[in-house]
N, C-alpha and C. Protein backbone atom coordinates (compact mmCIF):
# COMPACT_ATOMS: atom_id res chain seq x y z
N UNK A 1 86.70 -25.86 -32.16
CA UNK A 1 86.50 -26.99 -31.23
C UNK A 1 87.17 -26.70 -29.89
N UNK A 2 88.40 -26.17 -29.96
CA UNK A 2 89.13 -25.90 -28.72
C UNK A 2 88.38 -24.87 -27.89
N UNK A 3 87.83 -23.83 -28.56
CA UNK A 3 87.11 -22.80 -27.83
C UNK A 3 85.87 -23.38 -27.14
N UNK A 4 85.17 -24.26 -27.88
CA UNK A 4 83.96 -24.86 -27.31
C UNK A 4 84.30 -25.69 -26.09
N UNK A 5 85.34 -26.48 -26.19
CA UNK A 5 85.73 -27.32 -25.06
C UNK A 5 86.15 -26.48 -23.87
N UNK A 6 86.89 -25.40 -24.21
CA UNK A 6 87.35 -24.53 -23.14
C UNK A 6 86.16 -23.90 -22.42
N UNK A 7 85.18 -23.49 -23.19
CA UNK A 7 84.00 -22.88 -22.58
C UNK A 7 83.26 -23.88 -21.73
N UNK A 8 83.15 -25.11 -22.20
CA UNK A 8 82.44 -26.14 -21.45
C UNK A 8 83.15 -26.45 -20.14
N UNK A 9 84.48 -26.55 -20.22
CA UNK A 9 85.26 -26.83 -19.02
C UNK A 9 85.14 -25.70 -18.02
N UNK A 10 85.17 -24.47 -18.54
CA UNK A 10 85.08 -23.31 -17.66
C UNK A 10 83.75 -23.21 -16.96
N UNK A 11 82.69 -23.71 -17.58
CA UNK A 11 81.36 -23.58 -16.98
C UNK A 11 81.10 -24.64 -15.93
N UNK A 12 81.88 -25.72 -15.96
CA UNK A 12 81.62 -26.83 -15.04
C UNK A 12 81.76 -26.42 -13.57
N UNK A 13 82.84 -25.74 -13.17
CA UNK A 13 82.93 -25.32 -11.76
C UNK A 13 81.78 -24.43 -11.35
N UNK A 14 81.35 -23.55 -12.30
CA UNK A 14 80.24 -22.66 -11.98
C UNK A 14 78.95 -23.45 -11.75
N UNK A 15 78.72 -24.45 -12.58
CA UNK A 15 77.53 -25.29 -12.40
C UNK A 15 77.58 -26.05 -11.08
N UNK A 16 78.78 -26.53 -10.76
CA UNK A 16 78.92 -27.25 -9.49
C UNK A 16 78.67 -26.33 -8.31
N UNK A 17 79.19 -25.10 -8.40
CA UNK A 17 78.98 -24.13 -7.33
C UNK A 17 77.50 -23.80 -7.20
N UNK A 18 76.80 -23.65 -8.34
CA UNK A 18 75.36 -23.38 -8.32
C UNK A 18 74.62 -24.54 -7.68
N UNK A 19 75.02 -25.76 -8.01
CA UNK A 19 74.36 -26.94 -7.44
C UNK A 19 74.55 -26.98 -5.93
N UNK A 20 75.76 -26.63 -5.46
CA UNK A 20 76.02 -26.62 -4.02
C UNK A 20 75.17 -25.57 -3.32
N UNK A 21 75.05 -24.40 -3.96
CA UNK A 21 74.22 -23.35 -3.37
C UNK A 21 72.76 -23.76 -3.32
N UNK A 22 72.29 -24.38 -4.39
CA UNK A 22 70.90 -24.83 -4.43
C UNK A 22 70.63 -25.86 -3.34
N UNK A 23 71.58 -26.79 -3.16
CA UNK A 23 71.41 -27.81 -2.13
C UNK A 23 71.43 -27.17 -0.75
N UNK A 24 72.32 -26.19 -0.55
CA UNK A 24 72.38 -25.51 0.75
C UNK A 24 71.06 -24.80 1.03
N UNK A 25 70.46 -24.20 0.00
CA UNK A 25 69.16 -23.53 0.18
C UNK A 25 68.10 -24.52 0.61
N UNK A 26 68.09 -25.69 -0.01
CA UNK A 26 67.13 -26.73 0.36
C UNK A 26 67.33 -27.18 1.81
N UNK A 27 68.59 -27.36 2.18
CA UNK A 27 68.89 -27.82 3.54
C UNK A 27 68.50 -26.78 4.59
N UNK A 28 68.73 -25.52 4.28
CA UNK A 28 68.35 -24.47 5.21
C UNK A 28 66.84 -24.38 5.34
N UNK A 29 66.15 -24.55 4.21
CA UNK A 29 64.68 -24.55 4.24
C UNK A 29 64.17 -25.74 5.04
N UNK A 30 64.78 -26.89 4.85
CA UNK A 30 64.37 -28.09 5.59
C UNK A 30 64.63 -27.91 7.08
N UNK A 31 65.79 -27.37 7.42
CA UNK A 31 66.11 -27.17 8.84
C UNK A 31 65.10 -26.23 9.49
N UNK A 32 64.77 -25.13 8.80
CA UNK A 32 63.80 -24.18 9.35
C UNK A 32 62.43 -24.83 9.49
N UNK A 33 62.06 -25.67 8.54
CA UNK A 33 60.77 -26.36 8.61
C UNK A 33 60.76 -27.36 9.74
N UNK A 34 61.88 -28.06 9.94
CA UNK A 34 61.97 -29.02 11.04
C UNK A 34 61.82 -28.30 12.39
N UNK A 35 62.40 -27.10 12.49
CA UNK A 35 62.30 -26.34 13.73
C UNK A 35 60.84 -25.97 14.02
N UNK A 36 60.13 -25.54 12.99
CA UNK A 36 58.76 -25.08 13.21
C UNK A 36 57.75 -26.21 13.27
N UNK A 37 58.00 -27.31 12.53
CA UNK A 37 56.98 -28.35 12.39
C UNK A 37 57.45 -29.76 12.68
N UNK A 38 58.75 -29.94 12.96
CA UNK A 38 59.26 -31.28 13.22
C UNK A 38 59.72 -31.98 11.95
N UNK A 39 60.42 -33.10 12.12
CA UNK A 39 61.03 -33.78 10.98
C UNK A 39 60.02 -34.50 10.09
N UNK A 40 58.78 -34.61 10.56
CA UNK A 40 57.76 -35.27 9.75
C UNK A 40 56.90 -34.28 8.97
N UNK A 41 57.35 -33.03 8.91
CA UNK A 41 56.62 -32.01 8.15
C UNK A 41 56.50 -32.43 6.68
N UNK A 42 55.39 -32.08 6.02
CA UNK A 42 55.23 -32.44 4.61
C UNK A 42 56.35 -31.87 3.75
N UNK A 43 56.80 -32.64 2.79
CA UNK A 43 57.87 -32.20 1.89
C UNK A 43 57.45 -30.94 1.14
N UNK A 44 56.17 -30.83 0.86
CA UNK A 44 55.71 -29.64 0.12
C UNK A 44 55.95 -28.35 0.93
N UNK A 45 55.92 -28.46 2.28
CA UNK A 45 56.20 -27.28 3.10
C UNK A 45 57.65 -26.85 2.93
N UNK A 46 58.54 -27.82 2.86
CA UNK A 46 59.96 -27.52 2.65
C UNK A 46 60.16 -26.92 1.27
N UNK A 47 59.51 -27.52 0.27
CA UNK A 47 59.63 -27.03 -1.11
C UNK A 47 59.12 -25.59 -1.21
N UNK A 48 58.01 -25.31 -0.57
CA UNK A 48 57.45 -23.95 -0.61
C UNK A 48 58.41 -22.95 0.03
N UNK A 49 58.99 -23.35 1.15
CA UNK A 49 59.92 -22.45 1.84
C UNK A 49 61.16 -22.19 1.00
N UNK A 50 61.60 -23.22 0.28
CA UNK A 50 62.81 -23.09 -0.55
C UNK A 50 62.51 -22.46 -1.90
N UNK A 51 61.22 -22.38 -2.25
CA UNK A 51 60.85 -21.80 -3.54
C UNK A 51 61.12 -22.73 -4.72
N UNK A 52 60.96 -24.03 -4.49
CA UNK A 52 61.19 -25.02 -5.55
C UNK A 52 60.01 -25.99 -5.58
N UNK A 53 60.01 -26.86 -6.58
CA UNK A 53 58.99 -27.88 -6.65
C UNK A 53 59.35 -29.07 -5.79
N UNK A 54 58.33 -29.86 -5.43
CA UNK A 54 58.55 -31.04 -4.62
C UNK A 54 59.51 -32.01 -5.31
N UNK A 55 59.41 -32.10 -6.65
CA UNK A 55 60.29 -32.99 -7.40
C UNK A 55 61.76 -32.66 -7.22
N UNK A 56 62.06 -31.38 -7.04
CA UNK A 56 63.46 -30.96 -6.83
C UNK A 56 63.99 -31.52 -5.52
N UNK A 57 63.15 -31.52 -4.49
CA UNK A 57 63.56 -32.08 -3.21
C UNK A 57 63.92 -33.56 -3.38
N UNK A 58 63.04 -34.29 -4.07
CA UNK A 58 63.25 -35.74 -4.21
C UNK A 58 64.43 -36.06 -5.13
N UNK A 59 64.75 -35.17 -6.04
CA UNK A 59 65.95 -35.40 -6.88
C UNK A 59 67.21 -35.32 -6.05
N UNK A 60 67.22 -34.42 -5.10
CA UNK A 60 68.40 -34.27 -4.23
C UNK A 60 68.39 -35.31 -3.11
N UNK A 61 67.20 -35.58 -2.57
CA UNK A 61 67.08 -36.45 -1.40
C UNK A 61 65.92 -37.42 -1.63
N UNK A 62 66.21 -38.61 -2.15
CA UNK A 62 65.16 -39.56 -2.53
C UNK A 62 64.25 -40.00 -1.39
N UNK A 63 64.76 -40.03 -0.16
CA UNK A 63 63.94 -40.44 0.98
C UNK A 63 64.02 -39.39 2.09
N UNK A 64 63.05 -39.45 3.00
CA UNK A 64 63.08 -38.52 4.14
C UNK A 64 64.33 -38.75 4.99
N UNK A 65 64.73 -40.00 5.12
CA UNK A 65 65.95 -40.29 5.89
C UNK A 65 67.15 -39.59 5.27
N UNK A 66 67.25 -39.60 3.94
CA UNK A 66 68.34 -38.91 3.27
C UNK A 66 68.33 -37.42 3.60
N UNK A 67 67.13 -36.85 3.62
CA UNK A 67 67.00 -35.42 3.90
C UNK A 67 67.38 -35.12 5.35
N UNK A 68 66.91 -35.94 6.29
CA UNK A 68 67.23 -35.73 7.70
C UNK A 68 68.74 -35.80 7.93
N UNK A 69 69.37 -36.80 7.34
CA UNK A 69 70.82 -36.95 7.47
C UNK A 69 71.54 -35.74 6.90
N UNK A 70 71.10 -35.28 5.74
CA UNK A 70 71.75 -34.13 5.09
C UNK A 70 71.60 -32.87 5.93
N UNK A 71 70.42 -32.66 6.50
CA UNK A 71 70.20 -31.49 7.36
C UNK A 71 71.10 -31.58 8.58
N UNK A 72 71.16 -32.75 9.19
CA UNK A 72 72.00 -32.96 10.37
C UNK A 72 73.46 -32.64 10.05
N UNK A 73 73.95 -33.19 8.96
CA UNK A 73 75.35 -32.94 8.57
C UNK A 73 75.58 -31.46 8.26
N UNK A 74 74.64 -30.84 7.60
CA UNK A 74 74.76 -29.43 7.24
C UNK A 74 74.87 -28.58 8.49
N UNK A 75 74.05 -28.88 9.50
CA UNK A 75 74.07 -28.10 10.73
C UNK A 75 75.35 -28.37 11.54
N UNK A 76 75.78 -29.62 11.55
CA UNK A 76 77.04 -29.93 12.23
C UNK A 76 78.20 -29.18 11.57
N UNK A 77 78.23 -29.17 10.24
CA UNK A 77 79.29 -28.47 9.53
C UNK A 77 79.27 -26.97 9.84
N UNK A 78 78.08 -26.39 9.86
CA UNK A 78 77.97 -24.97 10.16
C UNK A 78 78.51 -24.67 11.56
N UNK A 79 78.20 -25.54 12.51
CA UNK A 79 78.69 -25.36 13.88
C UNK A 79 80.21 -25.53 13.94
N UNK A 80 80.72 -26.51 13.22
CA UNK A 80 82.16 -26.76 13.21
C UNK A 80 82.91 -25.59 12.58
N UNK A 81 82.40 -25.08 11.47
CA UNK A 81 83.08 -24.00 10.76
C UNK A 81 83.04 -22.69 11.54
N UNK A 82 82.05 -22.54 12.42
CA UNK A 82 81.93 -21.30 13.18
C UNK A 82 83.03 -21.15 14.23
N UNK A 83 83.58 -22.27 14.73
CA UNK A 83 84.56 -22.20 15.79
C UNK A 83 85.77 -21.34 15.47
N UNK A 84 86.52 -21.66 14.42
CA UNK A 84 87.69 -20.85 14.07
C UNK A 84 87.34 -19.40 13.75
N UNK A 85 86.18 -19.19 13.14
CA UNK A 85 85.76 -17.82 12.80
C UNK A 85 85.54 -17.01 14.07
N UNK A 86 84.82 -17.59 15.02
CA UNK A 86 84.58 -16.90 16.28
C UNK A 86 85.87 -16.64 17.04
N UNK A 87 86.80 -17.60 16.98
CA UNK A 87 88.08 -17.44 17.66
C UNK A 87 88.86 -16.27 17.08
N UNK A 88 88.75 -16.09 15.77
CA UNK A 88 89.47 -15.00 15.10
C UNK A 88 88.79 -13.65 15.33
N UNK A 89 87.48 -13.65 15.48
CA UNK A 89 86.74 -12.38 15.52
C UNK A 89 86.41 -11.90 16.93
N UNK A 90 86.42 -12.78 17.91
CA UNK A 90 86.00 -12.40 19.26
C UNK A 90 87.12 -11.69 20.01
N UNK A 91 86.74 -10.92 21.01
CA UNK A 91 87.72 -10.14 21.77
C UNK A 91 88.66 -11.05 22.55
N UNK A 92 88.16 -12.17 23.04
CA UNK A 92 88.99 -13.10 23.80
C UNK A 92 88.61 -14.53 23.43
N UNK A 93 89.50 -15.49 23.65
CA UNK A 93 89.15 -16.89 23.41
C UNK A 93 87.95 -17.35 24.24
N UNK A 94 87.86 -16.86 25.48
CA UNK A 94 86.73 -17.24 26.32
C UNK A 94 85.41 -16.74 25.73
N UNK A 95 85.42 -15.53 25.19
CA UNK A 95 84.22 -14.99 24.54
C UNK A 95 83.85 -15.83 23.33
N UNK A 96 84.86 -16.26 22.58
CA UNK A 96 84.61 -17.12 21.42
C UNK A 96 84.01 -18.45 21.86
N UNK A 97 84.54 -19.01 22.94
CA UNK A 97 84.03 -20.27 23.47
C UNK A 97 82.56 -20.12 23.88
N UNK A 98 82.25 -19.05 24.59
CA UNK A 98 80.88 -18.84 25.05
C UNK A 98 79.92 -18.69 23.87
N UNK A 99 80.35 -17.95 22.86
CA UNK A 99 79.49 -17.75 21.68
C UNK A 99 79.31 -19.06 20.91
N UNK A 100 80.37 -19.85 20.84
CA UNK A 100 80.27 -21.11 20.11
C UNK A 100 79.36 -22.09 20.84
N UNK A 101 79.49 -22.15 22.15
CA UNK A 101 78.62 -23.04 22.93
C UNK A 101 77.16 -22.61 22.75
N UNK A 102 76.92 -21.32 22.64
CA UNK A 102 75.57 -20.83 22.41
C UNK A 102 75.03 -21.36 21.07
N UNK A 103 75.87 -21.36 20.05
CA UNK A 103 75.48 -21.94 18.76
C UNK A 103 75.21 -23.44 18.89
N UNK A 104 76.03 -24.11 19.65
CA UNK A 104 75.86 -25.54 19.87
C UNK A 104 74.53 -25.82 20.57
N UNK A 105 74.18 -24.98 21.53
CA UNK A 105 72.89 -25.13 22.20
C UNK A 105 71.75 -24.93 21.21
N UNK A 106 71.88 -23.93 20.34
CA UNK A 106 70.86 -23.73 19.30
C UNK A 106 70.66 -25.00 18.49
N UNK A 107 71.76 -25.62 18.11
CA UNK A 107 71.71 -26.85 17.34
C UNK A 107 70.98 -27.94 18.10
N UNK A 108 71.26 -28.06 19.39
CA UNK A 108 70.68 -29.15 20.19
C UNK A 108 69.20 -28.94 20.48
N UNK A 109 68.81 -27.72 20.81
CA UNK A 109 67.44 -27.51 21.30
C UNK A 109 66.43 -27.23 20.20
N UNK A 110 66.88 -27.02 18.98
CA UNK A 110 65.93 -26.70 17.90
C UNK A 110 65.75 -27.86 16.93
N UNK A 111 66.15 -29.06 17.32
CA UNK A 111 66.07 -30.19 16.39
C UNK A 111 64.64 -30.69 16.20
N UNK A 112 63.78 -30.53 17.20
CA UNK A 112 62.36 -30.89 17.09
C UNK A 112 62.14 -32.24 16.43
N UNK A 113 62.55 -33.28 17.09
CA UNK A 113 62.30 -34.62 16.58
C UNK A 113 63.49 -35.23 15.87
N UNK A 114 64.52 -34.46 15.60
CA UNK A 114 65.68 -35.01 14.91
C UNK A 114 66.35 -36.08 15.75
N UNK A 115 66.46 -35.84 17.05
CA UNK A 115 67.10 -36.84 17.91
C UNK A 115 66.35 -38.16 17.87
N UNK A 116 65.02 -38.09 17.91
CA UNK A 116 64.23 -39.32 17.86
C UNK A 116 64.42 -40.04 16.53
N UNK A 117 64.47 -39.27 15.45
CA UNK A 117 64.67 -39.87 14.13
C UNK A 117 66.01 -40.59 14.06
N UNK A 118 67.02 -40.00 14.67
CA UNK A 118 68.36 -40.58 14.62
C UNK A 118 68.45 -41.85 15.46
N UNK A 119 67.52 -42.04 16.37
CA UNK A 119 67.54 -43.24 17.21
C UNK A 119 66.74 -44.38 16.60
N UNK A 120 66.23 -44.18 15.39
CA UNK A 120 65.45 -45.23 14.74
C UNK A 120 66.38 -46.34 14.26
N UNK A 121 65.78 -47.39 13.70
CA UNK A 121 66.56 -48.53 13.23
C UNK A 121 67.08 -48.33 11.81
N UNK A 122 66.82 -47.19 11.22
CA UNK A 122 67.25 -46.94 9.84
C UNK A 122 68.78 -46.91 9.79
N UNK A 123 69.36 -47.77 8.95
CA UNK A 123 70.83 -47.87 8.85
C UNK A 123 71.45 -46.57 8.37
N UNK A 124 70.66 -45.73 7.72
CA UNK A 124 71.18 -44.45 7.22
C UNK A 124 71.75 -43.60 8.35
N UNK A 125 71.23 -43.78 9.56
CA UNK A 125 71.62 -42.92 10.68
C UNK A 125 72.78 -43.46 11.51
N UNK A 126 73.26 -44.66 11.18
CA UNK A 126 74.19 -45.36 12.07
C UNK A 126 75.49 -44.60 12.32
N UNK A 127 76.03 -43.94 11.33
CA UNK A 127 77.34 -43.30 11.48
C UNK A 127 77.26 -41.85 11.92
N UNK A 128 76.06 -41.32 12.14
CA UNK A 128 75.94 -39.89 12.40
C UNK A 128 76.50 -39.47 13.75
N UNK A 129 76.36 -40.31 14.77
CA UNK A 129 76.89 -39.92 16.07
C UNK A 129 78.42 -39.79 16.01
N UNK A 130 79.07 -40.74 15.35
CA UNK A 130 80.53 -40.67 15.21
C UNK A 130 80.93 -39.44 14.41
N UNK A 131 80.14 -39.12 13.40
CA UNK A 131 80.41 -37.92 12.59
C UNK A 131 80.30 -36.67 13.46
N UNK A 132 79.27 -36.60 14.27
CA UNK A 132 79.05 -35.49 15.18
C UNK A 132 80.26 -35.31 16.11
N UNK A 133 80.70 -36.40 16.72
CA UNK A 133 81.82 -36.34 17.65
C UNK A 133 83.11 -35.96 16.93
N UNK A 134 83.36 -36.58 15.79
CA UNK A 134 84.60 -36.34 15.04
C UNK A 134 84.72 -34.89 14.59
N UNK A 135 83.60 -34.26 14.26
CA UNK A 135 83.65 -32.89 13.75
C UNK A 135 83.65 -31.84 14.86
N UNK A 136 82.89 -32.07 15.94
CA UNK A 136 82.70 -31.01 16.92
C UNK A 136 83.66 -31.08 18.11
N UNK A 137 84.11 -32.25 18.49
CA UNK A 137 85.05 -32.33 19.61
C UNK A 137 86.35 -31.57 19.32
N UNK A 138 86.97 -31.73 18.14
CA UNK A 138 88.20 -30.97 17.87
C UNK A 138 87.99 -29.46 17.87
N UNK A 139 86.84 -29.00 17.41
CA UNK A 139 86.56 -27.56 17.39
C UNK A 139 86.44 -27.04 18.82
N UNK A 140 85.70 -27.76 19.64
CA UNK A 140 85.57 -27.37 21.04
C UNK A 140 86.93 -27.41 21.73
N UNK A 141 87.74 -28.42 21.42
CA UNK A 141 89.08 -28.52 22.02
C UNK A 141 89.94 -27.32 21.65
N UNK A 142 89.85 -26.90 20.40
CA UNK A 142 90.62 -25.73 19.96
C UNK A 142 90.24 -24.49 20.76
N UNK A 143 88.94 -24.30 20.99
CA UNK A 143 88.47 -23.14 21.75
C UNK A 143 88.89 -23.24 23.22
N UNK A 144 88.78 -24.43 23.79
CA UNK A 144 89.19 -24.61 25.18
C UNK A 144 90.68 -24.39 25.37
N UNK A 145 91.47 -24.93 24.43
CA UNK A 145 92.92 -24.77 24.52
C UNK A 145 93.31 -23.29 24.45
N UNK A 146 92.66 -22.56 23.54
CA UNK A 146 92.98 -21.13 23.39
C UNK A 146 92.62 -20.37 24.67
N UNK A 147 91.46 -20.68 25.25
CA UNK A 147 91.05 -20.01 26.48
C UNK A 147 91.95 -20.38 27.65
N UNK A 148 92.37 -21.64 27.71
CA UNK A 148 93.26 -22.08 28.79
C UNK A 148 94.64 -21.43 28.65
N UNK A 149 95.14 -21.36 27.42
CA UNK A 149 96.44 -20.73 27.17
C UNK A 149 96.42 -19.26 27.56
N UNK A 150 95.26 -18.62 27.35
CA UNK A 150 95.11 -17.21 27.71
C UNK A 150 94.87 -17.02 29.20
N UNK A 151 94.80 -18.13 29.95
CA UNK A 151 94.59 -18.05 31.38
C UNK A 151 93.15 -17.73 31.77
N UNK A 152 92.21 -17.96 30.84
CA UNK A 152 90.81 -17.60 31.10
C UNK A 152 90.01 -18.74 31.71
N UNK A 153 90.44 -19.96 31.52
CA UNK A 153 89.77 -21.12 32.12
C UNK A 153 90.83 -22.08 32.64
N UNK A 154 90.43 -23.01 33.49
CA UNK A 154 91.36 -24.02 33.97
C UNK A 154 91.68 -24.97 32.82
N UNK A 155 92.87 -25.55 32.81
CA UNK A 155 93.32 -26.34 31.66
C UNK A 155 92.93 -27.81 31.68
N UNK A 156 92.23 -28.26 32.72
CA UNK A 156 92.00 -29.69 32.86
C UNK A 156 90.58 -30.12 32.47
N UNK A 157 89.90 -29.31 31.67
CA UNK A 157 88.55 -29.64 31.20
C UNK A 157 88.65 -30.08 29.74
N UNK A 158 88.08 -31.22 29.43
CA UNK A 158 88.18 -31.73 28.06
C UNK A 158 86.97 -31.32 27.23
N UNK A 159 87.18 -31.33 25.92
CA UNK A 159 86.10 -30.97 25.00
C UNK A 159 84.94 -31.95 25.10
N UNK A 160 85.25 -33.23 25.23
CA UNK A 160 84.17 -34.21 25.32
C UNK A 160 83.33 -33.97 26.57
N UNK A 161 83.98 -33.63 27.68
CA UNK A 161 83.24 -33.34 28.92
C UNK A 161 82.30 -32.16 28.73
N UNK A 162 82.80 -31.12 28.08
CA UNK A 162 81.97 -29.93 27.88
C UNK A 162 80.78 -30.23 26.98
N UNK A 163 81.04 -30.90 25.85
CA UNK A 163 79.94 -31.20 24.93
C UNK A 163 78.94 -32.15 25.57
N UNK A 164 79.43 -33.14 26.29
CA UNK A 164 78.52 -34.08 26.96
C UNK A 164 77.71 -33.36 28.03
N UNK A 165 78.37 -32.49 28.78
CA UNK A 165 77.67 -31.75 29.82
C UNK A 165 76.61 -30.84 29.25
N UNK A 166 76.95 -30.11 28.20
CA UNK A 166 75.98 -29.22 27.56
C UNK A 166 74.82 -30.04 27.00
N UNK A 167 75.15 -31.16 26.37
CA UNK A 167 74.11 -32.01 25.81
C UNK A 167 73.15 -32.50 26.88
N UNK A 168 73.69 -32.92 28.02
CA UNK A 168 72.84 -33.39 29.11
C UNK A 168 71.95 -32.27 29.66
N UNK A 169 72.50 -31.07 29.73
CA UNK A 169 71.70 -29.94 30.22
C UNK A 169 70.58 -29.56 29.26
N UNK A 170 70.76 -29.90 27.99
CA UNK A 170 69.75 -29.55 26.98
C UNK A 170 68.62 -30.58 26.89
N UNK A 171 68.77 -31.70 27.58
CA UNK A 171 67.69 -32.69 27.61
C UNK A 171 66.48 -32.08 28.33
N UNK A 172 65.33 -32.20 27.73
CA UNK A 172 64.12 -31.64 28.33
C UNK A 172 63.97 -30.16 28.09
N UNK A 173 64.68 -29.63 27.09
CA UNK A 173 64.62 -28.19 26.82
C UNK A 173 63.23 -27.73 26.38
N UNK A 174 62.39 -28.67 25.95
CA UNK A 174 61.05 -28.30 25.53
C UNK A 174 60.10 -27.99 26.68
N UNK A 175 60.49 -28.32 27.89
CA UNK A 175 59.66 -28.05 29.06
C UNK A 175 59.74 -26.56 29.40
N UNK A 176 58.60 -25.86 29.40
CA UNK A 176 58.63 -24.40 29.68
C UNK A 176 59.13 -24.06 31.07
N UNK A 177 59.15 -25.05 31.97
CA UNK A 177 59.64 -24.79 33.32
C UNK A 177 61.16 -24.88 33.42
N UNK A 178 61.79 -25.28 32.32
CA UNK A 178 63.24 -25.52 32.35
C UNK A 178 63.94 -24.68 31.29
N UNK A 179 64.89 -23.87 31.73
CA UNK A 179 65.63 -23.00 30.81
C UNK A 179 67.03 -23.58 30.60
N UNK A 180 67.16 -24.41 29.56
CA UNK A 180 68.44 -25.06 29.30
C UNK A 180 69.54 -24.04 29.03
N UNK A 181 69.21 -23.00 28.28
CA UNK A 181 70.23 -22.01 27.94
C UNK A 181 70.80 -21.34 29.20
N UNK A 182 69.96 -21.09 30.18
CA UNK A 182 70.44 -20.47 31.43
C UNK A 182 71.40 -21.41 32.15
N UNK A 183 71.05 -22.69 32.21
CA UNK A 183 71.92 -23.65 32.90
C UNK A 183 73.25 -23.81 32.18
N UNK A 184 73.21 -23.83 30.85
CA UNK A 184 74.46 -23.92 30.08
C UNK A 184 75.29 -22.67 30.31
N UNK A 185 74.64 -21.52 30.39
CA UNK A 185 75.36 -20.28 30.67
C UNK A 185 76.07 -20.33 32.00
N UNK A 186 75.43 -20.93 32.99
CA UNK A 186 76.07 -21.07 34.31
C UNK A 186 77.27 -22.01 34.23
N UNK A 187 77.14 -23.06 33.42
CA UNK A 187 78.27 -23.99 33.24
C UNK A 187 79.47 -23.27 32.63
N UNK A 188 79.25 -22.53 31.58
CA UNK A 188 80.35 -21.84 30.90
C UNK A 188 80.92 -20.73 31.78
N UNK A 189 80.07 -20.04 32.52
CA UNK A 189 80.56 -19.03 33.46
C UNK A 189 81.43 -19.70 34.52
N UNK A 190 81.03 -20.91 34.94
CA UNK A 190 81.82 -21.64 35.93
C UNK A 190 83.19 -22.00 35.43
N UNK A 191 83.31 -22.29 34.14
CA UNK A 191 84.63 -22.59 33.57
C UNK A 191 85.56 -21.41 33.74
N UNK A 192 85.01 -20.21 33.53
CA UNK A 192 85.83 -19.02 33.67
C UNK A 192 86.16 -18.72 35.12
N UNK A 193 85.19 -18.87 36.00
CA UNK A 193 85.41 -18.57 37.41
C UNK A 193 86.36 -19.56 38.07
N UNK A 194 86.37 -20.81 37.56
CA UNK A 194 87.16 -21.85 38.21
C UNK A 194 88.65 -21.75 37.89
N UNK A 195 89.03 -20.83 37.01
CA UNK A 195 90.45 -20.76 36.65
C UNK A 195 91.31 -20.35 37.83
N UNK A 196 90.70 -19.62 38.80
CA UNK A 196 91.47 -19.18 39.96
C UNK A 196 91.45 -20.23 41.07
N UNK A 197 90.47 -21.15 40.96
CA UNK A 197 90.36 -22.15 42.03
C UNK A 197 91.31 -23.30 41.83
N UNK A 198 91.55 -23.66 40.56
CA UNK A 198 92.43 -24.78 40.27
C UNK A 198 91.73 -26.10 40.51
N UNK A 199 92.39 -27.21 40.19
CA UNK A 199 91.80 -28.53 40.38
C UNK A 199 91.56 -28.82 41.85
N UNK A 200 90.52 -29.57 42.12
CA UNK A 200 90.22 -29.94 43.50
C UNK A 200 90.53 -31.40 43.74
């Protein structure tokens, strides 16, 4: 009996880890489908991309709103977790900041309808903006502080200002006449160049 219980207990973490991986696979498939087809893409397209049945999607996410929220959170988490990794791996804090902002732009410009979905009256979406701010502002602040401490940027720029500015520049990114990534690149380059100018 003891051996059986021990075996059962030992398998539980493995099952939980498998479940997390399976859910992550679904979320990545959904995110990729949203990018190519928008948030109203048929669930069967997501299931096909993930290599599972439609029923599996609904077991994890009973409604489309649940799926949209989960994809949003998954992408926010990926962006948040990338900050410290880039800071550790990049040649300079400023390089880490630039690479992280590039990831943030990817998140903003590839949502294909996610922003509109989040502005609906569905109560499921109500807390997502606060979640976005709570997770990403501290990561951006960490990168800015490191770059400022290294003397690479001026120290009086806040994380909220940077994220808000980048977000505003990404509005209308679907217009072929407008290159949001180029404008964001100029903004981040300006942060580096302004370190010698000081506050005005």
